[in-house]
């Protein structure tokens, strides 16, 4: 008669480990199935991301950064949207275009606020090239499924009416061609008020920043509502 060989401690550990693996797999499967029944866990609502691509007017030149209109926008949208400010003082549309693809890929924004062109105008650069640069950024944004808000600017009359018309015309042409909303003049009700402009006559003061946000908000709010509704579906 054969005598049964007792189970060793090593074999017992292997059996217990095997059962634990099976139990963990069953539990994990149940958890996944339970989560799938919860719409919020399958597709959790995420805050939309807004990317501001601008120059000194959006980079809070000459004032504290937290006083700038972009920071005021971030405060207003706290808890509802994330605001990324990629603005650099002195930036032209060419410089912005060179940086744009990488920023777009890294941030994956839902809305892009394009506020560039002022330095092109102050340097007397060709409006046609400015239009090409801005058009490329709009196209890249739309290809990435991001909505675009174009923030226009004007230049002083001493540049000549012909150049000024060609410059401001770029923003209207792009808005119509790509069907994007436009704020025609970011510094509306500010630029001609010396109490709201810094001593250089180009950059707005801290007191002017709420007005800039007020100029942007009516065009931005519908884009935000559409984006937030889409995220909830």
Protein backbone atom coordinates (compact mmCIF):
# COMPACT_ATOMS: atom_id res chain seq x y z
CA UNK A 1 0.00 0.00 0.00
CA UNK A 2 1.32 3.42 -1.05
CA UNK A 3 1.64 6.03 1.58
CA UNK A 4 0.34 9.52 0.61
CA UNK A 5 3.14 12.06 0.33
CA UNK A 6 2.33 15.09 2.50
CA UNK A 7 2.09 18.50 0.82
CA UNK A 8 5.19 20.54 1.42
CA UNK A 9 5.09 24.14 2.66
CA UNK A 10 6.42 25.33 -0.71
CA UNK A 11 3.61 23.59 -2.61
CA UNK A 12 1.03 24.97 -0.16
CA UNK A 13 2.30 28.52 -0.76
CA UNK A 14 2.03 28.00 -4.52
CA UNK A 15 -1.58 26.81 -4.19
CA UNK A 16 -2.55 29.77 -1.99
CA UNK A 17 -0.85 32.22 -4.36
CA UNK A 18 -2.68 30.71 -7.32
CA UNK A 19 -6.06 31.09 -5.63
CA UNK A 20 -5.25 34.68 -4.70
CA UNK A 21 -4.44 35.50 -8.34
CA UNK A 22 -7.77 34.02 -9.44
CA UNK A 23 -9.70 35.92 -6.77
CA UNK A 24 -7.97 39.22 -7.66
CA UNK A 25 -8.77 38.71 -11.35
CA UNK A 26 -12.42 38.04 -10.56
CA UNK A 27 -12.62 41.13 -8.33
CA UNK A 28 -10.94 43.33 -10.94
CA UNK A 29 -13.33 42.11 -13.62
CA UNK A 30 -16.31 42.88 -11.41
CA UNK A 31 -14.96 46.36 -10.68
CA UNK A 32 -14.50 47.12 -14.38
CA UNK A 33 -18.02 45.96 -15.18
CA UNK A 34 -19.42 48.06 -12.33
CA UNK A 35 -17.52 51.13 -13.54
CA UNK A 36 -18.81 50.61 -17.08
CA UNK A 37 -22.35 51.01 -15.78
CA UNK A 38 -21.46 54.47 -14.42
CA UNK A 39 -21.32 57.03 -17.27
CA UNK A 40 -19.19 59.43 -15.25
CA UNK A 41 -16.56 56.81 -14.53
CA UNK A 42 -16.41 55.70 -18.17
CA UNK A 43 -16.21 59.23 -19.56
CA UNK A 44 -15.50 61.57 -16.63
CA UNK A 45 -16.19 65.24 -17.23
CA UNK A 46 -12.97 67.14 -17.74
CA UNK A 47 -12.43 70.86 -17.59
CA UNK A 48 -11.87 72.36 -21.05
CA UNK A 49 -8.46 73.90 -21.70
CA UNK A 50 -8.11 77.42 -23.09
CA UNK A 51 -4.81 78.37 -24.72
CA UNK A 52 -3.98 82.07 -25.03
CA UNK A 53 -1.36 82.64 -27.71
CA UNK A 54 -0.47 86.30 -27.55
CA UNK A 55 2.09 89.06 -27.12
CA UNK A 56 2.70 91.67 -24.41
CA UNK A 57 -0.99 92.61 -24.30
CA UNK A 58 -1.73 89.15 -22.92
CA UNK A 59 1.58 88.69 -21.08
CA UNK A 60 0.77 91.50 -18.62
CA UNK A 61 3.65 93.72 -19.74
CA UNK A 62 4.50 96.44 -17.23
CA UNK A 63 2.12 95.18 -14.56
CA UNK A 64 1.94 92.23 -12.18
CA UNK A 65 1.11 89.02 -14.01
CA UNK A 66 -1.85 88.29 -11.74
CA UNK A 67 -3.32 91.66 -12.73
CA UNK A 68 -3.40 90.81 -16.43
CA UNK A 69 -6.64 90.05 -18.23
CA UNK A 70 -5.63 86.41 -18.82
CA UNK A 71 -5.18 85.89 -15.09
CA UNK A 72 -8.54 87.58 -14.49
CA UNK A 73 -10.05 85.16 -17.00
CA UNK A 74 -8.50 82.20 -15.18
CA UNK A 75 -10.01 83.46 -11.92
CA UNK A 76 -13.44 83.79 -13.50
CA UNK A 77 -13.25 80.26 -14.93
CA UNK A 78 -11.71 78.60 -11.88
CA UNK A 79 -13.28 75.18 -11.51
CA UNK A 80 -14.90 75.37 -14.95
CA UNK A 81 -11.91 75.60 -17.29
CA UNK A 82 -8.12 75.63 -17.30
CA UNK A 83 -6.36 78.63 -18.83
CA UNK A 84 -2.87 78.25 -20.28
CA UNK A 85 -1.09 81.51 -21.09
CA UNK A 86 1.61 81.01 -23.74
CA UNK A 87 1.97 84.74 -24.45
CA UNK A 88 5.39 86.38 -24.79
CA UNK A 89 6.13 90.11 -24.87
CA UNK A 90 7.46 91.19 -28.24
CA UNK A 91 6.07 88.12 -30.01
CA UNK A 92 5.24 88.38 -33.71
CA UNK A 93 3.03 86.06 -35.73
CA UNK A 94 6.17 84.43 -37.16
CA UNK A 95 7.54 83.74 -33.68
CA UNK A 96 4.19 82.46 -32.51
CA UNK A 97 3.90 80.14 -35.48
CA UNK A 98 7.31 78.63 -34.76
CA UNK A 99 6.25 77.74 -31.22
CA UNK A 100 2.65 76.88 -31.93
CA UNK A 101 2.77 73.24 -33.08
CA UNK A 102 4.65 72.09 -29.99
CA UNK A 103 2.39 74.03 -27.62
CA UNK A 104 -0.72 72.72 -29.37
CA UNK A 105 0.50 69.15 -29.05
CA UNK A 106 1.48 69.52 -25.40
CA UNK A 107 -1.62 71.36 -24.18
CA UNK A 108 -4.29 69.85 -26.46
CA UNK A 109 -6.58 72.86 -25.94
CA UNK A 110 -10.30 72.93 -26.57
CA UNK A 111 -10.24 76.65 -27.36
CA UNK A 112 -7.38 78.76 -28.75
CA UNK A 113 -7.39 82.53 -28.31
CA UNK A 114 -5.10 84.01 -30.96
CA UNK A 115 -3.89 87.45 -29.93
CA UNK A 116 -0.97 88.16 -32.24
CA UNK A 117 -0.21 90.71 -34.91
CA UNK A 118 0.39 93.91 -32.96
CA UNK A 119 4.17 93.62 -33.14
CA UNK A 120 3.99 92.84 -36.85
CA UNK A 121 2.17 96.13 -37.32
CA UNK A 122 4.51 98.17 -35.11
CA UNK A 123 7.47 96.82 -37.09
CA UNK A 124 5.78 97.55 -40.41
CA UNK A 125 5.89 93.89 -41.46
CA UNK A 126 3.89 92.76 -44.48
CA UNK A 127 0.19 92.17 -43.63
CA UNK A 128 0.13 89.35 -46.20
CA UNK A 129 2.75 87.42 -44.23
CA UNK A 130 0.93 88.11 -41.00
CA UNK A 131 -2.22 86.70 -42.55
CA UNK A 132 -0.37 83.57 -43.70
CA UNK A 133 1.06 83.00 -40.22
CA UNK A 134 -2.25 83.47 -38.43
CA UNK A 135 -4.02 81.30 -41.00
CA UNK A 136 -1.60 78.47 -40.33
CA UNK A 137 -2.25 78.64 -36.59
CA UNK A 138 -6.01 78.68 -37.16
CA UNK A 139 -5.78 75.68 -39.49
CA UNK A 140 -3.63 73.72 -37.03
CA UNK A 141 -6.09 74.49 -34.24
CA UNK A 142 -9.09 73.37 -36.25
CA UNK A 143 -7.32 70.21 -37.38
CA UNK A 144 -6.77 69.46 -33.67
CA UNK A 145 -10.53 69.99 -33.06
CA UNK A 146 -9.93 73.20 -31.11
CA UNK A 147 -12.22 76.18 -31.49
CA UNK A 148 -10.54 79.50 -32.30
CA UNK A 149 -11.25 83.02 -31.10
CA UNK A 150 -9.36 85.72 -33.00
CA UNK A 151 -8.44 88.83 -31.01
CA UNK A 152 -7.78 91.77 -33.32
CA UNK A 153 -5.73 94.89 -32.75
CA UNK A 154 -5.22 98.25 -34.45
CA UNK A 155 -2.11 100.37 -35.01
CA UNK A 156 -1.52 104.13 -34.71
CA UNK A 157 -2.63 106.30 -37.66
CA UNK A 158 0.93 107.53 -38.31
CA UNK A 159 1.62 104.27 -40.14
CA UNK A 160 -0.53 105.52 -42.99
CA UNK A 161 -4.15 104.73 -43.77
CA UNK A 162 -3.37 102.26 -46.55
CA UNK A 163 -1.14 100.11 -44.33
CA UNK A 164 -3.53 100.41 -41.42
CA UNK A 165 -6.48 99.25 -43.54
CA UNK A 166 -4.49 96.30 -44.88
CA UNK A 167 -3.37 95.40 -41.36
CA UNK A 168 -6.81 95.46 -39.70
CA UNK A 169 -8.35 93.84 -42.76
CA UNK A 170 -6.33 90.69 -42.07
CA UNK A 171 -8.41 89.88 -39.00
CA UNK A 172 -11.74 90.32 -40.78
CA UNK A 173 -10.57 88.25 -43.75
CA UNK A 174 -9.43 85.37 -41.54
CA UNK A 175 -12.59 85.44 -39.42
CA UNK A 176 -14.74 85.16 -42.52
CA UNK A 177 -12.59 82.56 -44.31
CA UNK A 178 -12.30 80.18 -41.36
CA UNK A 179 -15.68 81.00 -39.77
CA UNK A 180 -14.19 81.95 -36.41
CA UNK A 181 -15.46 84.64 -34.02
CA UNK A 182 -13.53 87.90 -33.90
CA UNK A 183 -12.99 90.61 -31.32
CA UNK A 184 -12.16 93.43 -33.78
CA UNK A 185 -10.18 95.58 -31.36
CA UNK A 186 -8.89 94.16 -28.09
CA UNK A 187 -8.26 97.63 -26.63
CA UNK A 188 -11.68 99.08 -27.41
CA UNK A 189 -12.53 101.88 -24.93
CA UNK A 190 -8.93 101.78 -23.67
CA UNK A 191 -6.43 102.84 -26.33
CA UNK A 192 -7.59 106.47 -26.51
CA UNK A 193 -7.97 106.87 -22.75
CA UNK A 194 -4.61 108.07 -21.44
CA UNK A 195 -5.58 107.15 -17.89
CA UNK A 196 -5.78 103.49 -18.93
CA UNK A 197 -2.53 103.39 -20.90
CA UNK A 198 1.03 103.15 -19.64
CA UNK A 199 3.48 105.95 -20.40
CA UNK A 200 4.62 104.26 -23.64
CA UNK A 201 1.14 104.77 -25.08
CA UNK A 202 1.07 101.14 -26.26
CA UNK A 203 0.44 98.97 -23.24
CA UNK A 204 -2.65 99.16 -21.02
CA UNK A 205 -2.44 99.65 -17.26
CA UNK A 206 -3.64 97.26 -14.59
CA UNK A 207 -6.85 99.30 -14.33
CA UNK A 208 -7.57 98.56 -18.00
CA UNK A 209 -7.39 94.77 -17.66
CA UNK A 210 -11.01 94.20 -16.56
CA UNK A 211 -12.14 96.15 -19.63
CA UNK A 212 -10.00 93.95 -21.89
CA UNK A 213 -11.64 90.89 -20.38
CA UNK A 214 -15.03 92.52 -20.87
CA UNK A 215 -14.16 93.00 -24.55
CA UNK A 216 -13.20 89.33 -24.92
CA UNK A 217 -15.92 87.69 -22.86
CA UNK A 218 -18.99 88.13 -25.16
CA UNK A 219 -17.18 86.31 -27.98
CA UNK A 220 -15.61 83.69 -25.71
CA UNK A 221 -18.64 82.74 -23.63
CA UNK A 222 -20.55 80.98 -26.48
CA UNK A 223 -17.45 78.92 -27.32
CA UNK A 224 -17.15 77.88 -23.69
CA UNK A 225 -20.80 76.90 -23.46
CA UNK A 226 -20.56 74.79 -26.62
CA UNK A 227 -17.38 73.10 -25.41
CA UNK A 228 -18.77 72.35 -21.96
CA UNK A 229 -22.00 70.94 -23.39
CA UNK A 230 -20.03 68.66 -25.72
CA UNK A 231 -17.95 67.40 -22.79
CA UNK A 232 -21.11 66.40 -20.91
CA UNK A 233 -22.59 64.37 -23.79
